[in-house]
Amino acid sequence: MNKALVAYFSAGGATKGLAERLAKAIGADLHAIEPEVPYTGADLNWQDRHSRSSVEMNDPHARPEIASRAEGMAQYDVVFVGFPIWWYREPSIIDTFMELYDFAGKTVVPFATSGGSPIGSSGRNMAALAKGANVASGKRFAANAPENELADWAKAWL
């Protein structure tokens, strides 16, 4: 059995709940990816092209700082990385997370929440940042996806 970590970024709470259910369903450790400077409601206003999230997502080099690192990353064989879909891809803070660690030899599995957008290019984007890792294309889930659905999906990598 592979040792797994569920790491997630959640802006509004939907991804947090999904990540907690996934970690419980598969017996994985859990780590919140939290920004050094928390996002405010105004920061998350995707309709404002000057909001923090809009500015970050329009800059492919944006790397928001993360408040704390996941301890003992070397012990994990599989890392599930969760996030809300922003602008049809992973938020820039996920790119920061992917660049912080050595994922060589690990399996990285993206999962996302969204009101309707697909996971898009997230897996490819994350693979480009995780040299030597096996990065899955990932899957978008409904925020209320049940534990059994998450466990059935995750078993392919465990």
N, C-alpha and C. Protein backbone atom coordinates (compact mmCIF):
# COMPACT_ATOMS: atom_id res chain seq x y z
N MET A 1 0.85 -1.19 0.00
CA MET A 1 0.00 0.00 0.00
C MET A 1 0.88 1.24 0.00
N ASN A 2 0.60 2.15 -0.89
CA ASN A 2 1.36 3.39 -0.98
C ASN A 2 0.94 4.36 0.12
N LYS A 3 1.90 5.10 0.65
CA LYS A 3 1.60 6.14 1.64
C LYS A 3 1.16 7.38 0.89
N ALA A 4 0.00 7.94 1.29
CA ALA A 4 -0.59 9.04 0.54
C ALA A 4 -0.78 10.29 1.39
N LEU A 5 -0.68 11.42 0.69
CA LEU A 5 -0.97 12.73 1.26
C LEU A 5 -2.05 13.37 0.40
N VAL A 6 -3.01 14.01 1.05
CA VAL A 6 -3.98 14.84 0.36
C VAL A 6 -3.64 16.28 0.73
N ALA A 7 -3.13 17.03 -0.24
CA ALA A 7 -2.80 18.45 -0.04
C ALA A 7 -3.82 19.25 -0.84
N TYR A 8 -4.31 20.34 -0.25
CA TYR A 8 -5.35 21.08 -0.95
C TYR A 8 -5.28 22.57 -0.66
N PHE A 9 -5.75 23.34 -1.64
CA PHE A 9 -6.00 24.77 -1.48
C PHE A 9 -7.49 24.97 -1.64
N SER A 10 -8.08 25.70 -0.70
CA SER A 10 -9.52 25.96 -0.76
C SER A 10 -9.77 27.44 -0.52
N ALA A 11 -10.43 28.08 -1.46
CA ALA A 11 -10.72 29.51 -1.32
C ALA A 11 -12.02 29.75 -0.57
N GLY A 12 -13.03 28.93 -0.83
CA GLY A 12 -14.33 29.15 -0.22
C GLY A 12 -14.82 28.02 0.66
N GLY A 13 -14.06 26.95 0.77
CA GLY A 13 -14.44 25.85 1.65
C GLY A 13 -14.88 24.58 0.94
N ALA A 14 -15.29 24.66 -0.32
CA ALA A 14 -15.77 23.48 -1.03
C ALA A 14 -14.65 22.45 -1.22
N THR A 15 -13.48 22.91 -1.62
CA THR A 15 -12.37 21.98 -1.84
C THR A 15 -11.88 21.40 -0.51
N LYS A 16 -11.94 22.17 0.55
CA LYS A 16 -11.53 21.68 1.86
C LYS A 16 -12.39 20.48 2.26
N GLY A 17 -13.70 20.61 2.14
CA GLY A 17 -14.59 19.51 2.50
C GLY A 17 -14.34 18.27 1.66
N LEU A 18 -14.13 18.45 0.37
CA LEU A 18 -13.85 17.33 -0.52
C LEU A 18 -12.53 16.66 -0.12
N ALA A 19 -11.50 17.47 0.14
CA ALA A 19 -10.19 16.93 0.53
C ALA A 19 -10.28 16.16 1.84
N GLU A 20 -11.02 16.67 2.79
CA GLU A 20 -11.17 15.98 4.08
C GLU A 20 -11.86 14.63 3.88
N ARG A 21 -12.89 14.58 3.04
CA ARG A 21 -13.57 13.30 2.78
C ARG A 21 -12.65 12.33 2.06
N LEU A 22 -11.87 12.83 1.10
CA LEU A 22 -10.93 11.96 0.37
C LEU A 22 -9.90 11.39 1.34
N ALA A 23 -9.28 12.24 2.16
CA ALA A 23 -8.26 11.77 3.10
C ALA A 23 -8.84 10.71 4.05
N LYS A 24 -10.04 10.95 4.54
CA LYS A 24 -10.68 9.98 5.44
C LYS A 24 -10.98 8.67 4.71
N ALA A 25 -11.46 8.77 3.48
CA ALA A 25 -11.85 7.58 2.72
C ALA A 25 -10.67 6.67 2.41
N ILE A 26 -9.48 7.26 2.22
CA ILE A 26 -8.32 6.46 1.82
C ILE A 26 -7.26 6.34 2.91
N GLY A 27 -7.52 6.93 4.08
CA GLY A 27 -6.56 6.85 5.19
C GLY A 27 -5.29 7.63 4.93
N ALA A 28 -5.40 8.76 4.26
CA ALA A 28 -4.23 9.58 3.91
C ALA A 28 -4.04 10.70 4.92
N ASP A 29 -2.83 11.22 4.97
CA ASP A 29 -2.56 12.43 5.74
C ASP A 29 -3.14 13.61 4.97
N LEU A 30 -3.37 14.72 5.68
CA LEU A 30 -4.02 15.89 5.11
C LEU A 30 -3.16 17.13 5.36
N HIS A 31 -3.03 17.97 4.33
CA HIS A 31 -2.27 19.21 4.46
C HIS A 31 -2.99 20.33 3.72
N ALA A 32 -3.26 21.43 4.41
CA ALA A 32 -3.86 22.60 3.79
C ALA A 32 -2.77 23.47 3.18
N ILE A 33 -2.93 23.83 1.92
CA ILE A 33 -2.04 24.77 1.24
C ILE A 33 -2.67 26.14 1.45
N GLU A 34 -2.08 26.91 2.36
CA GLU A 34 -2.65 28.20 2.72
C GLU A 34 -1.74 29.33 2.27
N PRO A 35 -2.32 30.38 1.69
CA PRO A 35 -1.49 31.50 1.25
C PRO A 35 -0.91 32.28 2.42
N GLU A 36 0.30 32.78 2.25
CA GLU A 36 0.93 33.62 3.27
C GLU A 36 0.02 34.81 3.59
N VAL A 37 -0.55 35.40 2.55
CA VAL A 37 -1.51 36.50 2.70
C VAL A 37 -2.87 35.93 2.29
N PRO A 38 -3.79 35.75 3.25
CA PRO A 38 -5.09 35.15 2.91
C PRO A 38 -5.84 35.97 1.86
N TYR A 39 -6.60 35.27 1.05
CA TYR A 39 -7.43 35.94 0.04
C TYR A 39 -8.69 36.50 0.69
N THR A 40 -9.04 37.72 0.33
CA THR A 40 -10.29 38.33 0.78
C THR A 40 -11.35 38.09 -0.29
N GLY A 41 -12.58 38.41 0.02
CA GLY A 41 -13.65 38.30 -0.97
C GLY A 41 -13.35 39.14 -2.20
N ALA A 42 -12.83 40.35 -1.99
CA ALA A 42 -12.48 41.22 -3.12
C ALA A 42 -11.36 40.60 -3.95
N ASP A 43 -10.40 39.94 -3.30
CA ASP A 43 -9.30 39.29 -4.01
C ASP A 43 -9.80 38.20 -4.95
N LEU A 44 -10.90 37.56 -4.58
CA LEU A 44 -11.42 36.42 -5.33
C LEU A 44 -12.45 36.80 -6.38
N ASN A 45 -12.71 38.09 -6.56
CA ASN A 45 -13.72 38.54 -7.51
C ASN A 45 -13.21 38.37 -8.94
N TRP A 46 -13.57 37.27 -9.56
CA TRP A 46 -13.08 36.95 -10.90
C TRP A 46 -13.62 37.91 -11.96
N GLN A 47 -14.66 38.67 -11.63
CA GLN A 47 -15.23 39.62 -12.59
C GLN A 47 -14.47 40.96 -12.58
N ASP A 48 -13.59 41.14 -11.61
CA ASP A 48 -12.78 42.34 -11.52
C ASP A 48 -11.38 42.01 -12.04
N ARG A 49 -11.02 42.54 -13.20
CA ARG A 49 -9.73 42.18 -13.80
C ARG A 49 -8.54 42.71 -12.99
N HIS A 50 -8.82 43.55 -11.99
CA HIS A 50 -7.76 44.08 -11.13
C HIS A 50 -7.70 43.36 -9.78
N SER A 51 -8.59 42.39 -9.56
CA SER A 51 -8.55 41.65 -8.29
C SER A 51 -7.27 40.82 -8.22
N ARG A 52 -6.87 40.48 -7.02
CA ARG A 52 -5.63 39.72 -6.82
C ARG A 52 -5.64 38.41 -7.61
N SER A 53 -6.74 37.67 -7.55
CA SER A 53 -6.79 36.38 -8.26
C SER A 53 -6.72 36.59 -9.77
N SER A 54 -7.38 37.62 -10.28
CA SER A 54 -7.32 37.90 -11.73
C SER A 54 -5.91 38.26 -12.16
N VAL A 55 -5.25 39.09 -11.39
CA VAL A 55 -3.89 39.49 -11.71
C VAL A 55 -2.95 38.28 -11.69
N GLU A 56 -3.07 37.44 -10.65
CA GLU A 56 -2.23 36.24 -10.55
C GLU A 56 -2.47 35.31 -11.73
N MET A 57 -3.72 35.07 -12.06
CA MET A 57 -4.03 34.09 -13.10
C MET A 57 -3.67 34.60 -14.50
N ASN A 58 -3.54 35.90 -14.65
CA ASN A 58 -3.12 36.46 -15.93
C ASN A 58 -1.60 36.56 -16.07
N ASP A 59 -0.88 36.20 -15.01
CA ASP A 59 0.58 36.22 -15.03
C ASP A 59 1.09 34.79 -14.85
N PRO A 60 1.56 34.14 -15.91
CA PRO A 60 1.99 32.75 -15.79
C PRO A 60 3.17 32.54 -14.84
N HIS A 61 3.81 33.62 -14.44
CA HIS A 61 4.94 33.51 -13.51
C HIS A 61 4.56 33.84 -12.07
N ALA A 62 3.30 34.15 -11.82
CA ALA A 62 2.85 34.47 -10.45
C ALA A 62 3.00 33.24 -9.57
N ARG A 63 3.58 33.44 -8.39
CA ARG A 63 3.76 32.36 -7.42
C ARG A 63 3.44 32.91 -6.03
N PRO A 64 2.16 32.91 -5.66
CA PRO A 64 1.80 33.38 -4.32
C PRO A 64 2.52 32.57 -3.24
N GLU A 65 3.00 33.25 -2.23
CA GLU A 65 3.71 32.59 -1.14
C GLU A 65 2.77 31.69 -0.34
N ILE A 66 3.31 30.58 0.13
CA ILE A 66 2.55 29.62 0.95
C ILE A 66 2.98 29.79 2.40
N ALA A 67 1.99 29.75 3.31
CA ALA A 67 2.23 30.01 4.73
C ALA A 67 3.07 28.92 5.41
N SER A 68 2.84 27.65 5.07
CA SER A 68 3.60 26.58 5.74
C SER A 68 3.81 25.41 4.77
N ARG A 69 4.91 24.73 4.99
CA ARG A 69 5.26 23.59 4.15
C ARG A 69 4.68 22.30 4.71
N ALA A 70 4.45 21.35 3.83
CA ALA A 70 4.04 20.01 4.25
C ALA A 70 5.29 19.31 4.77
N GLU A 71 5.22 18.79 5.98
CA GLU A 71 6.37 18.12 6.59
C GLU A 71 6.50 16.69 6.08
N GLY A 72 7.72 16.25 5.90
CA GLY A 72 7.98 14.85 5.56
C GLY A 72 7.51 14.44 4.18
N MET A 73 7.60 15.32 3.22
CA MET A 73 7.13 15.01 1.87
C MET A 73 7.80 13.76 1.30
N ALA A 74 9.02 13.50 1.70
CA ALA A 74 9.76 12.34 1.16
C ALA A 74 9.08 11.01 1.48
N GLN A 75 8.29 10.95 2.54
CA GLN A 75 7.65 9.69 2.93
C GLN A 75 6.47 9.29 2.05
N TYR A 76 5.97 10.20 1.24
CA TYR A 76 4.76 9.93 0.46
C TYR A 76 5.08 9.41 -0.93
N ASP A 77 4.33 8.37 -1.32
CA ASP A 77 4.45 7.81 -2.67
C ASP A 77 3.45 8.48 -3.62
N VAL A 78 2.29 8.83 -3.07
CA VAL A 78 1.21 9.42 -3.85
C VAL A 78 0.77 10.71 -3.17
N VAL A 79 0.66 11.77 -3.96
CA VAL A 79 0.20 13.06 -3.44
C VAL A 79 -1.01 13.50 -4.27
N PHE A 80 -2.15 13.51 -3.63
CA PHE A 80 -3.37 14.03 -4.24
C PHE A 80 -3.36 15.54 -3.99
N VAL A 81 -3.54 16.34 -5.03
CA VAL A 81 -3.48 17.80 -4.90
C VAL A 81 -4.83 18.37 -5.34
N GLY A 82 -5.53 18.99 -4.39
CA GLY A 82 -6.86 19.52 -4.66
C GLY A 82 -6.91 21.03 -4.72
N PHE A 83 -7.84 21.53 -5.51
CA PHE A 83 -7.97 22.98 -5.70
C PHE A 83 -9.29 23.29 -6.40
N PRO A 84 -9.74 24.54 -6.26
CA PRO A 84 -10.86 24.99 -7.09
C PRO A 84 -10.33 25.36 -8.48
N ILE A 85 -11.14 25.19 -9.50
CA ILE A 85 -10.74 25.61 -10.84
C ILE A 85 -10.84 27.13 -10.93
N TRP A 86 -9.75 27.75 -11.34
CA TRP A 86 -9.72 29.20 -11.58
C TRP A 86 -9.29 29.39 -13.03
N TRP A 87 -10.08 30.09 -13.80
CA TRP A 87 -9.73 30.39 -15.18
C TRP A 87 -9.38 29.11 -15.96
N TYR A 88 -10.15 28.08 -15.73
CA TYR A 88 -10.02 26.79 -16.45
C TYR A 88 -8.74 26.03 -16.16
N ARG A 89 -8.14 26.31 -14.99
CA ARG A 89 -6.91 25.60 -14.62
C ARG A 89 -6.70 25.69 -13.11
N GLU A 90 -5.58 25.18 -12.65
CA GLU A 90 -5.23 25.24 -11.23
C GLU A 90 -4.84 26.67 -10.85
N PRO A 91 -5.15 27.09 -9.62
CA PRO A 91 -4.73 28.43 -9.18
C PRO A 91 -3.19 28.52 -9.10
N SER A 92 -2.69 29.73 -9.20
CA SER A 92 -1.24 29.95 -9.19
C SER A 92 -0.58 29.42 -7.92
N ILE A 93 -1.30 29.42 -6.80
CA ILE A 93 -0.71 28.91 -5.55
C ILE A 93 -0.40 27.42 -5.65
N ILE A 94 -1.10 26.70 -6.50
CA ILE A 94 -0.79 25.28 -6.74
C ILE A 94 0.54 25.18 -7.48
N ASP A 95 0.80 26.11 -8.39
CA ASP A 95 2.09 26.13 -9.08
C ASP A 95 3.21 26.36 -8.06
N THR A 96 2.98 27.25 -7.10
CA THR A 96 3.96 27.47 -6.02
C THR A 96 4.22 26.15 -5.29
N PHE A 97 3.15 25.45 -4.91
CA PHE A 97 3.25 24.18 -4.20
C PHE A 97 4.06 23.17 -5.02
N MET A 98 3.78 23.07 -6.30
CA MET A 98 4.46 22.10 -7.14
C MET A 98 5.96 22.39 -7.24
N GLU A 99 6.34 23.65 -7.18
CA GLU A 99 7.75 24.02 -7.29
C GLU A 99 8.50 23.92 -5.96
N LEU A 100 7.78 23.79 -4.85
CA LEU A 100 8.43 23.74 -3.54
C LEU A 100 9.05 22.38 -3.20
N TYR A 101 8.59 21.33 -3.84
CA TYR A 101 8.99 19.98 -3.45
C TYR A 101 9.60 19.22 -4.62
N ASP A 102 10.34 18.18 -4.26
CA ASP A 102 10.87 17.24 -5.25
C ASP A 102 9.87 16.10 -5.38
N PHE A 103 9.15 16.05 -6.48
CA PHE A 103 8.15 15.01 -6.71
C PHE A 103 8.69 13.86 -7.55
N ALA A 104 9.98 13.85 -7.84
CA ALA A 104 10.56 12.79 -8.66
C ALA A 104 10.25 11.42 -8.05
N GLY A 105 9.75 10.51 -8.88
CA GLY A 105 9.42 9.16 -8.44
C GLY A 105 8.08 9.04 -7.76
N LYS A 106 7.38 10.13 -7.55
CA LYS A 106 6.07 10.12 -6.91
C LYS A 106 4.96 10.16 -7.95
N THR A 107 3.78 9.77 -7.52
CA THR A 107 2.59 9.94 -8.33
C THR A 107 1.83 11.13 -7.77
N VAL A 108 1.48 12.07 -8.63
CA VAL A 108 0.72 13.25 -8.25
C VAL A 108 -0.63 13.18 -8.96
N VAL A 109 -1.70 13.32 -8.17
CA VAL A 109 -3.04 13.18 -8.72
C VAL A 109 -3.86 14.43 -8.42
N PRO A 110 -4.09 15.27 -9.44
CA PRO A 110 -4.91 16.46 -9.23
C PRO A 110 -6.39 16.10 -9.06
N PHE A 111 -7.07 16.87 -8.22
CA PHE A 111 -8.53 16.79 -8.14
C PHE A 111 -9.03 18.19 -7.88
N ALA A 112 -10.23 18.48 -8.37
CA ALA A 112 -10.70 19.85 -8.31
C ALA A 112 -12.20 19.94 -8.05
N THR A 113 -12.60 21.12 -7.62
CA THR A 113 -14.01 21.47 -7.50
C THR A 113 -14.26 22.64 -8.45
N SER A 114 -15.49 22.72 -8.92
CA SER A 114 -15.86 23.80 -9.82
C SER A 114 -17.36 23.84 -9.97
N GLY A 115 -17.86 25.01 -10.28
CA GLY A 115 -19.28 25.14 -10.56
C GLY A 115 -19.66 24.56 -11.90
N GLY A 116 -18.71 24.19 -12.71
CA GLY A 116 -19.01 23.61 -14.01
C GLY A 116 -17.83 23.54 -14.96
N SER A 117 -16.75 24.23 -14.65
CA SER A 117 -15.58 24.20 -15.52
C SER A 117 -14.85 22.88 -15.39
N PRO A 118 -14.31 22.36 -16.48
CA PRO A 118 -13.52 21.12 -16.41
C PRO A 118 -12.15 21.39 -15.79
N ILE A 119 -11.42 20.33 -15.49
CA ILE A 119 -10.10 20.46 -14.89
C ILE A 119 -9.08 21.00 -15.90
N GLY A 120 -9.42 20.93 -17.16
CA GLY A 120 -8.61 21.57 -18.21
C GLY A 120 -7.18 21.08 -18.28
N SER A 121 -6.26 22.00 -18.39
CA SER A 121 -4.84 21.69 -18.58
C SER A 121 -4.10 21.51 -17.26
N SER A 122 -4.80 21.45 -16.16
CA SER A 122 -4.14 21.40 -14.84
C SER A 122 -3.11 20.29 -14.72
N GLY A 123 -3.45 19.08 -15.12
CA GLY A 123 -2.51 17.96 -15.02
C GLY A 123 -1.24 18.20 -15.81
N ARG A 124 -1.39 18.68 -17.04
CA ARG A 124 -0.22 18.99 -17.87
C ARG A 124 0.61 20.11 -17.26
N ASN A 125 -0.07 21.14 -16.78
CA ASN A 125 0.65 22.26 -16.16
C ASN A 125 1.44 21.79 -14.96
N MET A 126 0.81 20.98 -14.12
CA MET A 126 1.47 20.49 -12.91
C MET A 126 2.62 19.55 -13.25
N ALA A 127 2.45 18.73 -14.29
CA ALA A 127 3.52 17.82 -14.70
C ALA A 127 4.76 18.59 -15.14
N ALA A 128 4.57 19.72 -15.79
CA ALA A 128 5.69 20.54 -16.23
C ALA A 128 6.49 21.10 -15.05
N LEU A 129 5.85 21.20 -13.89
CA LEU A 129 6.50 21.74 -12.69
C LEU A 129 7.04 20.65 -11.77
N ALA A 130 6.71 19.40 -12.04
CA ALA A 130 7.09 18.28 -11.17
C ALA A 130 7.94 17.28 -11.96
N LYS A 131 9.15 17.66 -12.24
CA LYS A 131 10.05 16.83 -13.04
C LYS A 131 10.23 15.46 -12.40
N GLY A 132 10.10 14.42 -13.23
CA GLY A 132 10.31 13.06 -12.76
C GLY A 132 9.12 12.44 -12.06
N ALA A 133 8.02 13.16 -11.96
CA ALA A 133 6.81 12.64 -11.32
C ALA A 133 5.87 12.06 -12.37
N ASN A 134 5.06 11.13 -11.94
CA ASN A 134 3.97 10.62 -12.75
C ASN A 134 2.74 11.44 -12.36
N VAL A 135 2.35 12.38 -13.21
CA VAL A 135 1.23 13.26 -12.88
C VAL A 135 0.01 12.84 -13.70
N ALA A 136 -1.05 12.48 -13.01
CA ALA A 136 -2.29 12.08 -13.66
C ALA A 136 -2.99 13.30 -14.23
N SER A 137 -3.92 13.06 -15.14
CA SER A 137 -4.68 14.18 -15.71
C SER A 137 -5.66 14.77 -14.70
N GLY A 138 -6.09 13.98 -13.74
CA GLY A 138 -6.94 14.47 -12.67
C GLY A 138 -8.41 14.44 -12.99
N LYS A 139 -9.19 14.89 -12.02
CA LYS A 139 -10.65 14.84 -12.16
C LYS A 139 -11.30 15.97 -11.38
N ARG A 140 -12.37 16.50 -11.95
CA ARG A 140 -13.21 17.48 -11.24
C ARG A 140 -14.36 16.72 -10.59
N PHE A 141 -14.63 17.08 -9.36
CA PHE A 141 -15.73 16.47 -8.60
C PHE A 141 -16.75 17.52 -8.20
N ALA A 142 -17.95 17.08 -7.97
CA ALA A 142 -18.94 17.93 -7.31
C ALA A 142 -18.44 18.13 -5.89
N ALA A 143 -18.67 19.29 -5.32
CA ALA A 143 -18.18 19.59 -3.98
C ALA A 143 -18.72 18.62 -2.94
N ASN A 144 -19.87 18.03 -3.19
CA ASN A 144 -20.48 17.12 -2.22
C ASN A 144 -20.27 15.65 -2.57
N ALA A 145 -19.28 15.34 -3.40
CA ALA A 145 -19.02 13.95 -3.77
C ALA A 145 -18.83 13.10 -2.51
N PRO A 146 -19.48 11.95 -2.44
CA PRO A 146 -19.40 11.11 -1.24
C PRO A 146 -18.08 10.35 -1.13
N GLU A 147 -17.75 9.94 0.09
CA GLU A 147 -16.50 9.22 0.37
C GLU A 147 -16.33 8.00 -0.52
N ASN A 148 -17.38 7.22 -0.72
CA ASN A 148 -17.23 5.99 -1.50
C ASN A 148 -16.85 6.29 -2.96
N GLU A 149 -17.39 7.37 -3.53
CA GLU A 149 -17.01 7.75 -4.89
C GLU A 149 -15.53 8.16 -4.93
N LEU A 150 -15.10 8.91 -3.93
CA LEU A 150 -13.71 9.35 -3.87
C LEU A 150 -12.76 8.17 -3.68
N ALA A 151 -13.12 7.25 -2.79
CA ALA A 151 -12.29 6.07 -2.54
C ALA A 151 -12.18 5.20 -3.78
N ASP A 152 -13.29 4.99 -4.48
CA ASP A 152 -13.27 4.18 -5.70
C ASP A 152 -12.36 4.79 -6.75
N TRP A 153 -12.41 6.12 -6.89
CA TRP A 153 -11.57 6.81 -7.86
C TRP A 153 -10.10 6.73 -7.45
N ALA A 154 -9.80 6.95 -6.18
CA ALA A 154 -8.42 7.03 -5.71
C ALA A 154 -7.69 5.68 -5.70
N LYS A 155 -8.41 4.59 -5.63
CA LYS A 155 -7.75 3.29 -5.49
C LYS A 155 -6.85 2.95 -6.67
N ALA A 156 -7.04 3.59 -7.81
CA ALA A 156 -6.18 3.33 -8.97
C ALA A 156 -4.72 3.72 -8.70
N TRP A 157 -4.50 4.61 -7.74
CA TRP A 157 -3.14 5.09 -7.45
C TRP A 157 -2.59 4.60 -6.13
N LEU A 158 -3.37 3.86 -5.39
CA LEU A 158 -2.92 3.42 -4.04
C LEU A 158 -2.43 1.98 -4.05
